[in-house]
Amino acid sequence: MTRLGEPWWGRRRAARFASFGGASRIGAALLGIATPAWTGANSNQPTVPTMLTALNAAVAAKVDGIATTVVSATAFTSPISKALEAGIPTVTYNANGSTDNPTNGMAYVGQALFVSGQEVGKRIAAAMPHGGTACGIIAQPGSLNIQPRLDGANAAILAAGKGLKVLHKAGFDSGASQSQETTSIPQFIQANGSKLQGVFAVDGGSTALLGPALAKFNLTSKIASGGFDLEPATLTAIKAGQLGFTIDQSPYLQGFLPTLYLYLFLLSGGLVSPPETDTGLKFVTKDNASPYTSPTSRFEGSTQEQKLIPRSGAISV
């Protein structure tokens, strides 16, 4: 095997640690293949064109397997078809095209994004007063790794039966780069905070900046808030009471399982097909945030170190 093409946009260190970890060692031991290689779009590159270039290059190089996110409704269909026609097993993870028309990979590993958005909307709505107004924040409107979350959250808020309103159904566009988000989110909260009783972000970067912005303008106790992913700044804000919650979508599993599934497909001569896998949804709040930050672990992307993390006590489900 030359490499596993894994187009992605970045920020998921846990997933990358996972894909380069246990599954790659299994493959190296049993098939004599190399560690998977990550490629794709970094935060300063156009997402879809860069990912498609990487995906097409992987197909042309005749790699042994591809795991890719699909953040466009149609753009990835042809490259994935070409990969499968060339005998390259291809799975998707984290995002799988549009909600009503998933893409054509062999299997998807990740959250049901619209459903996860609905759960965020329900939680925000439950904490809002009757007749209140909410708004979502989104870094790249239309990108199908986050747009379904916004759509699901808006739908749940409007269906909550409390006469709730959404300030901008299209969401507030915080900008695609971190430098844009750093400026735009505090400005948005300053300008609109007095109108809102609920606010949420649907991407990791925006979520990380939301709590500090609410705290800056003394709004943490006045506005129900939440978001997605486990950026260090997000966990810090939750522990400080600046942000109500975030969602853990199991990024480690989203990196590990697609890689493992591809190796098993190759090892078994195609007999073990990749299964559809929902990596679940877990709310992280002030009550349960501490284990995400101490001790550090590769499971949430804070270190590459391999180690056993002991635990004790009852398990809640």
C-alpha atoms as a PDB file:
ATOM      1  CA  MET A   1       0.000   0.000   0.000  1.00  0.00           C
ATOM      2  CA  THR A   2       1.383   3.408  -0.937  1.00  0.00           C
ATOM      3  CA  ARG A   3      -0.844   5.469   1.334  1.00  0.00           C
ATOM      4  CA  LEU A   4      -4.397   5.948   2.521  1.00  0.00           C
ATOM      5  CA  GLY A   5      -5.701   9.196   1.051  1.00  0.00           C
ATOM      6  CA  GLU A   6      -7.659  10.993   3.782  1.00  0.00           C
ATOM      7  CA  PRO A   7      -8.897  14.385   2.539  1.00  0.00           C
ATOM      8  CA  TRP A   8     -10.081  16.542   5.442  1.00  0.00           C
ATOM      9  CA  TRP A   9     -10.066  20.209   6.415  1.00  0.00           C
ATOM     10  CA  GLY A  10      -8.109  19.934   9.652  1.00  0.00           C
ATOM     11  CA  ARG A  11      -8.854  20.694  13.336  1.00  0.00           C
ATOM     12  CA  ARG A  12      -9.547  17.030  14.196  1.00  0.00           C
ATOM     13  CA  ARG A  13      -6.279  16.030  15.799  1.00  0.00           C
ATOM     14  CA  ALA A  14      -7.892  13.164  17.660  1.00  0.00           C
ATOM     15  CA  ALA A  15      -9.175  11.669  14.421  1.00  0.00           C
ATOM     16  CA  ARG A  16      -5.775  12.002  12.810  1.00  0.00           C
ATOM     17  CA  PHE A  17      -4.026  10.460  15.822  1.00  0.00           C
ATOM     18  CA  ALA A  18      -6.516   7.602  15.611  1.00  0.00           C
ATOM     19  CA  SER A  19      -6.052   6.969  11.897  1.00  0.00           C
ATOM     20  CA  PHE A  20      -2.269   6.916  12.350  1.00  0.00           C
ATOM     21  CA  GLY A  21      -2.474   4.764  15.482  1.00  0.00           C
ATOM     22  CA  GLY A  22      -3.858   1.327  16.236  1.00  0.00           C
ATOM     23  CA  ALA A  23      -5.465   0.618  12.879  1.00  0.00           C
ATOM     24  CA  SER A  24      -2.291   1.493  10.977  1.00  0.00           C
ATOM     25  CA  ARG A  25      -0.233  -0.826  13.160  1.00  0.00           C
ATOM     26  CA  ILE A  26      -2.687  -3.655  12.473  1.00  0.00           C
ATOM     27  CA  GLY A  27      -2.295  -3.027   8.769  1.00  0.00           C
ATOM     28  CA  ALA A  28       1.482  -2.803   8.972  1.00  0.00           C
ATOM     29  CA  ALA A  29       1.698  -6.086  10.848  1.00  0.00           C
ATOM     30  CA  LEU A  30      -0.709  -8.085   8.694  1.00  0.00           C
ATOM     31  CA  LEU A  31      -0.362  -6.568   5.250  1.00  0.00           C
ATOM     32  CA  GLY A  32       3.046  -4.922   5.297  1.00  0.00           C
ATOM     33  CA  ILE A  33       1.593  -1.508   4.466  1.00  0.00           C
ATOM     34  CA  ALA A  34       2.662   1.973   5.473  1.00  0.00           C
ATOM     35  CA  THR A  35       1.151   4.404   7.961  1.00  0.00           C
ATOM     36  CA  PRO A  36      -1.854   6.252   6.497  1.00  0.00           C
ATOM     37  CA  ALA A  37      -1.147   9.675   5.047  1.00  0.00           C
ATOM     38  CA  TRP A  38      -3.358  12.698   5.690  1.00  0.00           C
ATOM     39  CA  THR A  39      -3.971  15.111   2.850  1.00  0.00           C
ATOM     40  CA  GLY A  40      -6.595  17.711   2.004  1.00  0.00           C
ATOM     41  CA  ALA A  41      -7.438  21.319   2.812  1.00  0.00           C
ATOM     42  CA  ASN A  42      -5.851  23.311   5.594  1.00  0.00           C
ATOM     43  CA  SER A  43      -7.721  26.240   7.118  1.00  0.00           C
ATOM     44  CA  ASN A  44      -6.200  28.772   4.704  1.00  0.00           C
ATOM     45  CA  GLN A  45      -7.130  26.823   1.558  1.00  0.00           C
ATOM     46  CA  PRO A  46     -10.435  26.613  -0.338  1.00  0.00           C
ATOM     47  CA  THR A  47     -12.072  23.521   1.115  1.00  0.00           C
ATOM     48  CA  VAL A  48     -13.837  21.722  -1.729  1.00  0.00           C
ATOM     49  CA  PRO A  49     -11.362  22.379  -4.598  1.00  0.00           C
ATOM     50  CA  THR A  50      -8.383  21.420  -2.438  1.00  0.00           C
ATOM     51  CA  MET A  51     -10.069  18.256  -1.189  1.00  0.00           C
ATOM     52  CA  LEU A  52     -11.085  17.243  -4.712  1.00  0.00           C
ATOM     53  CA  THR A  53      -7.531  17.728  -5.959  1.00  0.00           C
ATOM     54  CA  ALA A  54      -6.274  15.495  -3.154  1.00  0.00           C
ATOM     55  CA  LEU A  55      -8.993  12.906  -3.782  1.00  0.00           C
ATOM     56  CA  ASN A  56      -8.349  12.757  -7.525  1.00  0.00           C
ATOM     57  CA  ALA A  57      -4.600  12.479  -6.880  1.00  0.00           C
ATOM     58  CA  ALA A  58      -5.212   9.553  -4.530  1.00  0.00           C
ATOM     59  CA  VAL A  59      -7.270   7.764  -7.181  1.00  0.00           C
ATOM     60  CA  ALA A  60      -4.631   8.419  -9.840  1.00  0.00           C
ATOM     61  CA  ALA A  61      -1.936   7.073  -7.503  1.00  0.00           C
ATOM     62  CA  LYS A  62      -3.964   3.872  -7.081  1.00  0.00           C
ATOM     63  CA  VAL A  63      -3.888   3.980  -3.293  1.00  0.00           C
ATOM     64  CA  ASP A  64      -5.266   0.984  -1.471  1.00  0.00           C
ATOM     65  CA  GLY A  65      -8.068   2.815   0.327  1.00  0.00           C
ATOM     66  CA  ILE A  66      -9.604   6.246   0.804  1.00  0.00           C
ATOM     67  CA  ALA A  67     -11.459   7.798   3.734  1.00  0.00           C
ATOM     68  CA  THR A  68     -12.880  11.237   3.017  1.00  0.00           C
ATOM     69  CA  THR A  69     -15.351  13.750   4.337  1.00  0.00           C
ATOM     70  CA  VAL A  70     -17.981  14.939   1.850  1.00  0.00           C
ATOM     71  CA  VAL A  71     -18.890  18.596   2.327  1.00  0.00           C
ATOM     72  CA  SER A  72     -20.625  19.152  -1.031  1.00  0.00           C
ATOM     73  CA  ALA A  73     -23.875  17.647  -2.294  1.00  0.00           C
ATOM     74  CA  THR A  74     -22.511  16.694  -5.723  1.00  0.00           C
ATOM     75  CA  ALA A  75     -18.794  17.475  -6.120  1.00  0.00           C
ATOM     76  CA  PHE A  76     -17.480  14.234  -4.600  1.00  0.00           C
ATOM     77  CA  THR A  77     -19.781  11.816  -6.435  1.00  0.00           C
ATOM     78  CA  SER A  78     -17.668  11.416  -9.567  1.00  0.00           C
ATOM     79  CA  PRO A  79     -14.275  11.016  -7.818  1.00  0.00           C
ATOM     80  CA  ILE A  80     -15.726   8.446  -5.426  1.00  0.00           C
ATOM     81  CA  SER A  81     -17.260   6.549  -8.360  1.00  0.00           C
ATOM     82  CA  LYS A  82     -13.883   6.550 -10.118  1.00  0.00           C
ATOM     83  CA  ALA A  83     -12.201   5.227  -6.976  1.00  0.00           C
ATOM     84  CA  LEU A  84     -14.699   2.390  -6.623  1.00  0.00           C
ATOM     85  CA  GLU A  85     -14.482   1.562 -10.344  1.00  0.00           C
ATOM     86  CA  ALA A  86     -10.710   1.340  -9.916  1.00  0.00           C
ATOM     87  CA  GLY A  87     -11.162  -1.161  -7.080  1.00  0.00           C
ATOM     88  CA  ILE A  88     -10.213   1.302  -4.328  1.00  0.00           C
ATOM     89  CA  PRO A  89     -12.428   0.879  -1.234  1.00  0.00           C
ATOM     90  CA  THR A  90     -13.753   4.297  -0.257  1.00  0.00           C
ATOM     91  CA  VAL A  91     -15.595   5.294   2.897  1.00  0.00           C
ATOM     92  CA  THR A  92     -16.785   8.649   4.183  1.00  0.00           C
ATOM     93  CA  TYR A  93     -16.644  10.109   7.673  1.00  0.00           C
ATOM     94  CA  ASN A  94     -17.715  13.237   9.589  1.00  0.00           C
ATOM     95  CA  ALA A  95     -19.834  14.478   6.668  1.00  0.00           C
ATOM     96  CA  ASN A  96     -21.644  12.504   3.988  1.00  0.00           C
ATOM     97  CA  GLY A  97     -23.177  14.936   1.497  1.00  0.00           C
ATOM     98  CA  SER A  98     -26.699  16.272   1.785  1.00  0.00           C
ATOM     99  CA  THR A  99     -29.125  14.949   4.385  1.00  0.00           C
ATOM    100  CA  ASP A 100     -31.687  13.794   1.813  1.00  0.00           C
ATOM    101  CA  ASN A 101     -29.154  12.477  -0.696  1.00  0.00           C
ATOM    102  CA  PRO A 102     -26.068  10.954   0.966  1.00  0.00           C
ATOM    103  CA  THR A 103     -23.028  10.382  -1.174  1.00  0.00           C
ATOM    104  CA  ASN A 104     -21.919   7.139  -2.824  1.00  0.00           C
ATOM    105  CA  GLY A 105     -19.162   5.804  -0.584  1.00  0.00           C
ATOM    106  CA  MET A 106     -19.285   2.259   0.763  1.00  0.00           C
ATOM    107  CA  ALA A 107     -20.228   3.392   4.291  1.00  0.00           C
ATOM    108  CA  TYR A 108     -20.401   6.492   6.480  1.00  0.00           C
ATOM    109  CA  VAL A 109     -18.791   6.863   9.912  1.00  0.00           C
ATOM    110  CA  GLY A 110     -19.974   9.837  11.945  1.00  0.00           C
ATOM    111  CA  GLN A 111     -22.943  11.663  13.379  1.00  0.00           C
ATOM    112  CA  ALA A 112     -26.293  12.133  11.718  1.00  0.00           C
ATOM    113  CA  LEU A 113     -25.657  15.857  11.365  1.00  0.00           C
ATOM    114  CA  PHE A 114     -29.232  17.105  11.030  1.00  0.00           C
ATOM    115  CA  VAL A 115     -30.242  15.019  14.052  1.00  0.00           C
ATOM    116  CA  SER A 116     -27.333  16.350  16.111  1.00  0.00           C
ATOM    117  CA  GLY A 117     -28.463  19.865  15.208  1.00  0.00           C
ATOM    118  CA  GLN A 118     -31.966  19.015  16.366  1.00  0.00           C
ATOM    119  CA  GLU A 119     -30.593  17.918  19.739  1.00  0.00           C
ATOM    120  CA  VAL A 120     -28.738  21.203  20.107  1.00  0.00           C
ATOM    121  CA  GLY A 121     -31.896  23.112  19.196  1.00  0.00           C
ATOM    122  CA  LYS A 122     -33.968  21.176  21.722  1.00  0.00           C
ATOM    123  CA  ARG A 123     -31.497  21.890  24.499  1.00  0.00           C
ATOM    124  CA  ILE A 124     -31.278  25.588  23.645  1.00  0.00           C
ATOM    125  CA  ALA A 125     -35.078  25.867  23.361  1.00  0.00           C
ATOM    126  CA  ALA A 126     -35.621  24.168  26.721  1.00  0.00           C
ATOM    127  CA  ALA A 127     -33.524  26.832  28.448  1.00  0.00           C
ATOM    128  CA  MET A 128     -35.188  29.782  26.704  1.00  0.00           C
ATOM    129  CA  PRO A 129     -38.252  31.729  27.909  1.00  0.00           C
ATOM    130  CA  HIS A 130     -41.481  31.638  25.895  1.00  0.00           C
ATOM    131  CA  GLY A 131     -41.378  33.962  22.910  1.00  0.00           C
ATOM    132  CA  GLY A 132     -37.590  34.259  22.983  1.00  0.00           C
ATOM    133  CA  THR A 133     -35.254  34.644  20.034  1.00  0.00           C
ATOM    134  CA  ALA A 134     -32.303  32.435  19.127  1.00  0.00           C
ATOM    135  CA  CYS A 135     -29.610  32.561  16.485  1.00  0.00           C
ATOM    136  CA  GLY A 136     -27.057  30.120  15.122  1.00  0.00           C
ATOM    137  CA  ILE A 137     -23.479  30.963  14.148  1.00  0.00           C
ATOM    138  CA  ILE A 138     -21.862  29.176  11.207  1.00  0.00           C
ATOM    139  CA  ALA A 139     -18.359  29.543   9.771  1.00  0.00           C
ATOM    140  CA  GLN A 140     -19.051  28.344   6.227  1.00  0.00           C
ATOM    141  CA  PRO A 141     -22.739  28.466   5.262  1.00  0.00           C
ATOM    142  CA  GLY A 142     -23.632  25.666   2.882  1.00  0.00           C
ATOM    143  CA  SER A 143     -20.729  23.415   3.846  1.00  0.00           C
ATOM    144  CA  LEU A 144     -22.335  20.045   4.454  1.00  0.00           C
ATOM    145  CA  ASN A 145     -20.308  19.161   7.528  1.00  0.00           C
ATOM    146  CA  ILE A 146     -22.043  21.998   9.427  1.00  0.00           C
ATOM    147  CA  GLN A 147     -25.050  23.316   7.447  1.00  0.00           C
ATOM    148  CA  PRO A 148     -27.265  20.316   8.393  1.00  0.00           C
ATOM    149  CA  ARG A 149     -26.556  21.049  12.052  1.00  0.00           C
ATOM    150  CA  LEU A 150     -27.831  24.607  11.662  1.00  0.00           C
ATOM    151  CA  ASP A 151     -30.905  23.420   9.767  1.00  0.00           C
ATOM    152  CA  GLY A 152     -31.691  20.814  12.421  1.00  0.00           C
ATOM    153  CA  ALA A 153     -31.238  23.245  15.303  1.00  0.00           C
ATOM    154  CA  ASN A 154     -33.453  25.889  13.711  1.00  0.00           C
ATOM    155  CA  ALA A 155     -36.146  23.294  13.029  1.00  0.00           C
ATOM    156  CA  ALA A 156     -36.129  22.094  16.641  1.00  0.00           C
ATOM    157  CA  ILE A 157     -36.260  25.612  18.074  1.00  0.00           C
ATOM    158  CA  LEU A 158     -39.222  26.594  15.903  1.00  0.00           C
ATOM    159  CA  ALA A 159     -40.999  23.325  16.739  1.00  0.00           C
ATOM    160  CA  ALA A 160     -40.521  23.640  20.506  1.00  0.00           C
ATOM    161  CA  GLY A 161     -44.057  24.933  21.099  1.00  0.00           C
ATOM    162  CA  LYS A 162     -42.908  28.009  23.018  1.00  0.00           C
ATOM    163  CA  GLY A 163     -43.431  30.657  20.354  1.00  0.00           C
ATOM    164  CA  LEU A 164     -39.689  30.904  19.823  1.00  0.00           C
ATOM    165  CA  LYS A 165     -38.159  32.809  16.921  1.00  0.00           C
ATOM    166  CA  VAL A 166     -34.901  32.539  14.978  1.00  0.00           C
ATOM    167  CA  LEU A 167     -33.118  35.825  14.317  1.00  0.00           C
ATOM    168  CA  HIS A 168     -31.426  34.702  11.090  1.00  0.00           C
ATOM    169  CA  LYS A 169     -32.562  31.362   9.655  1.00  0.00           C
ATOM    170  CA  ALA A 170     -29.464  31.356   7.461  1.00  0.00           C
ATOM    171  CA  GLY A 171     -27.381  31.842  10.616  1.00  0.00           C
ATOM    172  CA  PHE A 172     -24.748  34.451  11.294  1.00  0.00           C
ATOM    173  CA  ASP A 173     -21.779  33.905   8.969  1.00  0.00           C
ATOM    174  CA  SER A 174     -18.730  34.192  11.227  1.00  0.00           C
ATOM    175  CA  GLY A 175     -16.235  33.775   8.379  1.00  0.00           C
ATOM    176  CA  ALA A 176     -14.178  30.861   7.138  1.00  0.00           C
ATOM    177  CA  SER A 177     -10.892  31.809   8.826  1.00  0.00           C
ATOM    178  CA  GLN A 178     -10.047  31.979  12.519  1.00  0.00           C
ATOM    179  CA  SER A 179      -8.991  35.615  12.181  1.00  0.00           C
ATOM    180  CA  GLN A 180     -12.431  36.486  10.802  1.00  0.00           C
ATOM    181  CA  GLU A 181     -14.210  34.565  13.553  1.00  0.00           C
ATOM    182  CA  THR A 182     -12.127  36.220  16.257  1.00  0.00           C
ATOM    183  CA  THR A 183     -13.429  39.623  15.148  1.00  0.00           C
ATOM    184  CA  SER A 184     -16.908  38.838  13.863  1.00  0.00           C
ATOM    185  CA  ILE A 185     -18.318  36.826  16.767  1.00  0.00           C
ATOM    186  CA  PRO A 186     -17.700  39.403  19.515  1.00  0.00           C
ATOM    187  CA  GLN A 187     -19.053  42.093  17.182  1.00  0.00           C
ATOM    188  CA  PHE A 188     -22.180  40.043  16.525  1.00  0.00           C
ATOM    189  CA  ILE A 189     -22.768  39.386  20.234  1.00  0.00           C
ATOM    190  CA  GLN A 190     -22.223  43.050  21.085  1.00  0.00           C
ATOM    191  CA  ALA A 191     -24.681  44.189  18.409  1.00  0.00           C
ATOM    192  CA  ASN A 192     -27.344  41.510  18.940  1.00  0.00           C
ATOM    193  CA  GLY A 193     -26.947  40.187  22.461  1.00  0.00           C
ATOM    194  CA  SER A 194     -29.808  42.265  23.847  1.00  0.00           C
ATOM    195  CA  LYS A 195     -32.177  40.688  21.294  1.00  0.00           C
ATOM    196  CA  LEU A 196     -31.251  37.079  22.054  1.00  0.00           C
ATOM    197  CA  GLN A 197     -32.267  34.512  24.640  1.00  0.00           C
ATOM    198  CA  GLY A 198     -30.462  31.659  22.884  1.00  0.00           C
ATOM    199  CA  VAL A 199     -27.328  31.388  20.749  1.00  0.00           C
ATOM    200  CA  PHE A 200     -25.386  28.423  19.424  1.00  0.00           C
ATOM    201  CA  ALA A 201     -22.530  27.711  17.041  1.00  0.00           C
ATOM    202  CA  VAL A 202     -22.374  24.747  14.677  1.00  0.00           C
ATOM    203  CA  ASP A 203     -18.608  24.532  14.066  1.00  0.00           C
ATOM    204  CA  GLY A 204     -15.680  24.091  16.410  1.00  0.00           C
ATOM    205  CA  GLY A 205     -13.980  27.402  15.743  1.00  0.00           C
ATOM    206  CA  SER A 206     -17.098  29.501  16.307  1.00  0.00           C
ATOM    207  CA  THR A 207     -18.013  27.511  19.415  1.00  0.00           C
ATOM    208  CA  ALA A 208     -14.576  28.152  20.919  1.00  0.00           C
ATOM    209  CA  LEU A 209     -15.084  31.915  20.603  1.00  0.00           C
ATOM    210  CA  LEU A 210     -18.730  32.090  21.649  1.00  0.00           C
ATOM    211  CA  GLY A 211     -18.332  31.649  25.417  1.00  0.00           C
ATOM    212  CA  PRO A 212     -15.657  34.348  25.841  1.00  0.00           C
ATOM    213  CA  ALA A 213     -17.742  36.739  23.710  1.00  0.00           C
ATOM    214  CA  LEU A 214     -20.789  36.201  25.931  1.00  0.00           C
ATOM    215  CA  ALA A 215     -18.663  36.719  29.028  1.00  0.00           C
ATOM    216  CA  LYS A 216     -17.119  39.900  27.625  1.00  0.00           C
ATOM    217  CA  PHE A 217     -20.552  41.502  27.371  1.00  0.00           C
ATOM    218  CA  ASN A 218     -21.918  40.010  30.629  1.00  0.00           C
ATOM    219  CA  LEU A 219     -24.472  37.821  28.856  1.00  0.00           C
ATOM    220  CA  THR A 220     -23.613  34.313  30.072  1.00  0.00           C
ATOM    221  CA  SER A 221     -26.478  34.235  32.583  1.00  0.00           C
ATOM    222  CA  LYS A 222     -28.953  35.835  30.186  1.00  0.00           C
ATOM    223  CA  ILE A 223     -28.560  33.737  27.032  1.00  0.00           C
ATOM    224  CA  ALA A 224     -28.775  29.941  26.681  1.00  0.00           C
ATOM    225  CA  SER A 225     -25.686  28.855  24.745  1.00  0.00           C
ATOM    226  CA  GLY A 226     -23.999  25.834  23.236  1.00  0.00           C
ATOM    227  CA  GLY A 227     -22.117  24.423  20.295  1.00  0.00           C
ATOM    228  CA  PHE A 228     -20.037  21.626  18.852  1.00  0.00           C
ATOM    229  CA  ASP A 229     -16.649  19.987  19.257  1.00  0.00           C
ATOM    230  CA  LEU A 230     -13.927  19.914  21.846  1.00  0.00           C
ATOM    231  CA  GLU A 231     -11.523  22.736  21.127  1.00  0.00           C
ATOM    232  CA  PRO A 232      -9.430  23.527  24.241  1.00  0.00           C
ATOM    233  CA  ALA A 233     -10.908  27.039  24.405  1.00  0.00           C
ATOM    234  CA  THR A 234     -14.421  25.548  24.318  1.00  0.00           C
ATOM    235  CA  LEU A 235     -13.710  23.244  27.241  1.00  0.00           C
ATOM    236  CA  THR A 236     -12.149  26.132  29.166  1.00  0.00           C
ATOM    237  CA  ALA A 237     -15.258  28.260  28.545  1.00  0.00           C
ATOM    238  CA  ILE A 238     -17.566  25.476  29.702  1.00  0.00           C
ATOM    239  CA  LYS A 239     -15.592  24.902  32.893  1.00  0.00           C
ATOM    240  CA  ALA A 240     -15.660  28.657  33.537  1.00  0.00           C
ATOM    241  CA  GLY A 241     -19.435  28.807  33.084  1.00  0.00           C
ATOM    242  CA  GLN A 242     -19.192  30.970  29.958  1.00  0.00           C
ATOM    243  CA  LEU A 243     -20.791  28.390  27.639  1.00  0.00           C
ATOM    244  CA  GLY A 244     -23.661  26.059  28.464  1.00  0.00           C
ATOM    245  CA  PHE A 245     -22.573  22.944  26.592  1.00  0.00           C
ATOM    246  CA  THR A 246     -20.816  21.474  23.605  1.00  0.00           C
ATOM    247  CA  ILE A 247     -21.233  18.209  21.706  1.00  0.00           C
ATOM    248  CA  ASP A 248     -18.659  15.431  21.595  1.00  0.00           C
ATOM    249  CA  GLN A 249     -19.027  13.664  18.243  1.00  0.00           C
ATOM    250  CA  SER A 250     -16.236  11.129  18.944  1.00  0.00           C
ATOM    251  CA  PRO A 251     -13.549  12.418  16.568  1.00  0.00           C
ATOM    252  CA  TYR A 252     -11.214   9.598  17.595  1.00  0.00           C
ATOM    253  CA  LEU A 253     -13.688   7.002  16.350  1.00  0.00           C
ATOM    254  CA  GLN A 254     -14.213   9.011  13.175  1.00  0.00           C
ATOM    255  CA  GLY A 255     -10.510   8.615  12.409  1.00  0.00           C
ATOM    256  CA  PHE A 256      -9.914   5.132  13.769  1.00  0.00           C
ATOM    257  CA  LEU A 257     -12.921   3.235  12.441  1.00  0.00           C
ATOM    258  CA  PRO A 258     -12.731   4.220   8.748  1.00  0.00           C
ATOM    259  CA  THR A 259      -9.050   3.267   8.713  1.00  0.00           C
ATOM    260  CA  LEU A 260      -9.746  -0.023  10.463  1.00  0.00           C
ATOM    261  CA  TYR A 261     -12.658  -0.793   8.138  1.00  0.00           C
ATOM    262  CA  LEU A 262     -10.476  -0.251   5.067  1.00  0.00           C
ATOM    263  CA  TYR A 263      -7.755  -2.536   6.412  1.00  0.00           C
ATOM    264  CA  LEU A 264     -10.279  -5.257   7.239  1.00  0.00           C
ATOM    265  CA  PHE A 265     -11.768  -4.987   3.753  1.00  0.00           C
ATOM    266  CA  LEU A 266      -8.314  -5.434   2.226  1.00  0.00           C
ATOM    267  CA  LEU A 267      -7.296  -8.169   4.664  1.00  0.00           C
ATOM    268  CA  SER A 268     -10.430 -10.207   3.976  1.00  0.00           C
ATOM    269  CA  GLY A 269     -10.329  -9.869   0.204  1.00  0.00           C
ATOM    270  CA  GLY A 270     -13.456  -7.748   0.339  1.00  0.00           C
ATOM    271  CA  LEU A 271     -15.503 -10.150   2.450  1.00  0.00           C
ATOM    272  CA  VAL A 272     -15.674  -7.779   5.454  1.00  0.00           C
ATOM    273  CA  SER A 273     -17.471  -4.728   4.122  1.00  0.00           C
ATOM    274  CA  PRO A 274     -17.366  -1.394   5.972  1.00  0.00           C
ATOM    275  CA  PRO A 275     -20.567  -0.920   8.006  1.00  0.00           C
ATOM    276  CA  GLU A 276     -22.538   2.275   8.481  1.00  0.00           C
ATOM    277  CA  THR A 277     -21.519   3.603  11.904  1.00  0.00           C
ATOM    278  CA  ASP A 278     -23.126   6.344  13.988  1.00  0.00           C
ATOM    279  CA  THR A 279     -20.433   7.655  16.340  1.00  0.00           C
ATOM    280  CA  GLY A 280     -23.058   9.101  18.645  1.00  0.00           C
ATOM    281  CA  LEU A 281     -23.688  12.328  20.470  1.00  0.00           C
ATOM    282  CA  LYS A 282     -22.634  13.296  23.970  1.00  0.00           C
ATOM    283  CA  PHE A 283     -23.349  16.591  25.700  1.00  0.00           C
ATOM    284  CA  VAL A 284     -20.338  18.014  27.516  1.00  0.00           C
ATOM    285  CA  THR A 285     -21.259  20.425  30.309  1.00  0.00           C
ATOM    286  CA  LYS A 286     -19.571  21.936  33.338  1.00  0.00           C
ATOM    287  CA  ASP A 287     -20.492  18.791  35.254  1.00  0.00           C
ATOM    288  CA  ASN A 288     -18.562  16.381  33.025  1.00  0.00           C
ATOM    289  CA  ALA A 289     -15.947  18.514  31.221  1.00  0.00           C
ATOM    290  CA  SER A 290     -12.963  17.851  33.495  1.00  0.00           C
ATOM    291  CA  PRO A 291     -12.022  14.382  32.126  1.00  0.00           C
ATOM    292  CA  TYR A 292     -11.664  15.944  28.674  1.00  0.00           C
ATOM    293  CA  THR A 293      -8.810  18.149  29.833  1.00  0.00           C
ATOM    294  CA  SER A 294      -7.038  16.130  32.511  1.00  0.00           C
ATOM    295  CA  PRO A 295      -5.243  13.866  32.009  1.00  0.00           C
ATOM    296  CA  THR A 296      -4.261  14.764  28.462  1.00  0.00           C
ATOM    297  CA  SER A 297      -4.953  12.048  25.915  1.00  0.00           C
ATOM    298  CA  ARG A 298      -4.801  11.250  22.222  1.00  0.00           C
ATOM    299  CA  PHE A 299      -8.486  10.344  22.393  1.00  0.00           C
ATOM    300  CA  GLU A 300      -9.467  14.003  22.402  1.00  0.00           C
ATOM    301  CA  GLY A 301      -6.520  15.277  20.403  1.00  0.00           C
ATOM    302  CA  SER A 302      -4.439  16.930  23.113  1.00  0.00           C
ATOM    303  CA  THR A 303      -1.363  14.669  22.802  1.00  0.00           C
ATOM    304  CA  GLN A 304       0.014  11.936  20.554  1.00  0.00           C
ATOM    305  CA  GLU A 305       1.208   9.880  23.511  1.00  0.00           C
ATOM    306  CA  GLN A 306      -0.044   6.298  23.723  1.00  0.00           C
ATOM    307  CA  LYS A 307      -1.176   5.510  27.263  1.00  0.00           C
ATOM    308  CA  LEU A 308      -3.809   3.723  29.287  1.00  0.00           C
ATOM    309  CA  ILE A 309      -6.213   6.071  31.057  1.00  0.00           C
ATOM    310  CA  PRO A 310      -7.692   4.356  34.124  1.00  0.00           C
ATOM    311  CA  ARG A 311     -11.202   5.147  35.294  1.00  0.00           C
ATOM    312  CA  SER A 312     -13.407   4.197  38.228  1.00  0.00           C
ATOM    313  CA  GLY A 313     -16.957   4.621  39.453  1.00  0.00           C
ATOM    314  CA  ALA A 314     -20.390   3.973  38.028  1.00  0.00           C
ATOM    315  CA  ILE A 315     -21.084   4.373  34.316  1.00  0.00           C
ATOM    316  CA  SER A 316     -24.061   6.481  33.287  1.00  0.00           C
ATOM    317  CA  VAL A 317     -25.795   5.868  29.952  1.00  0.00           C
END
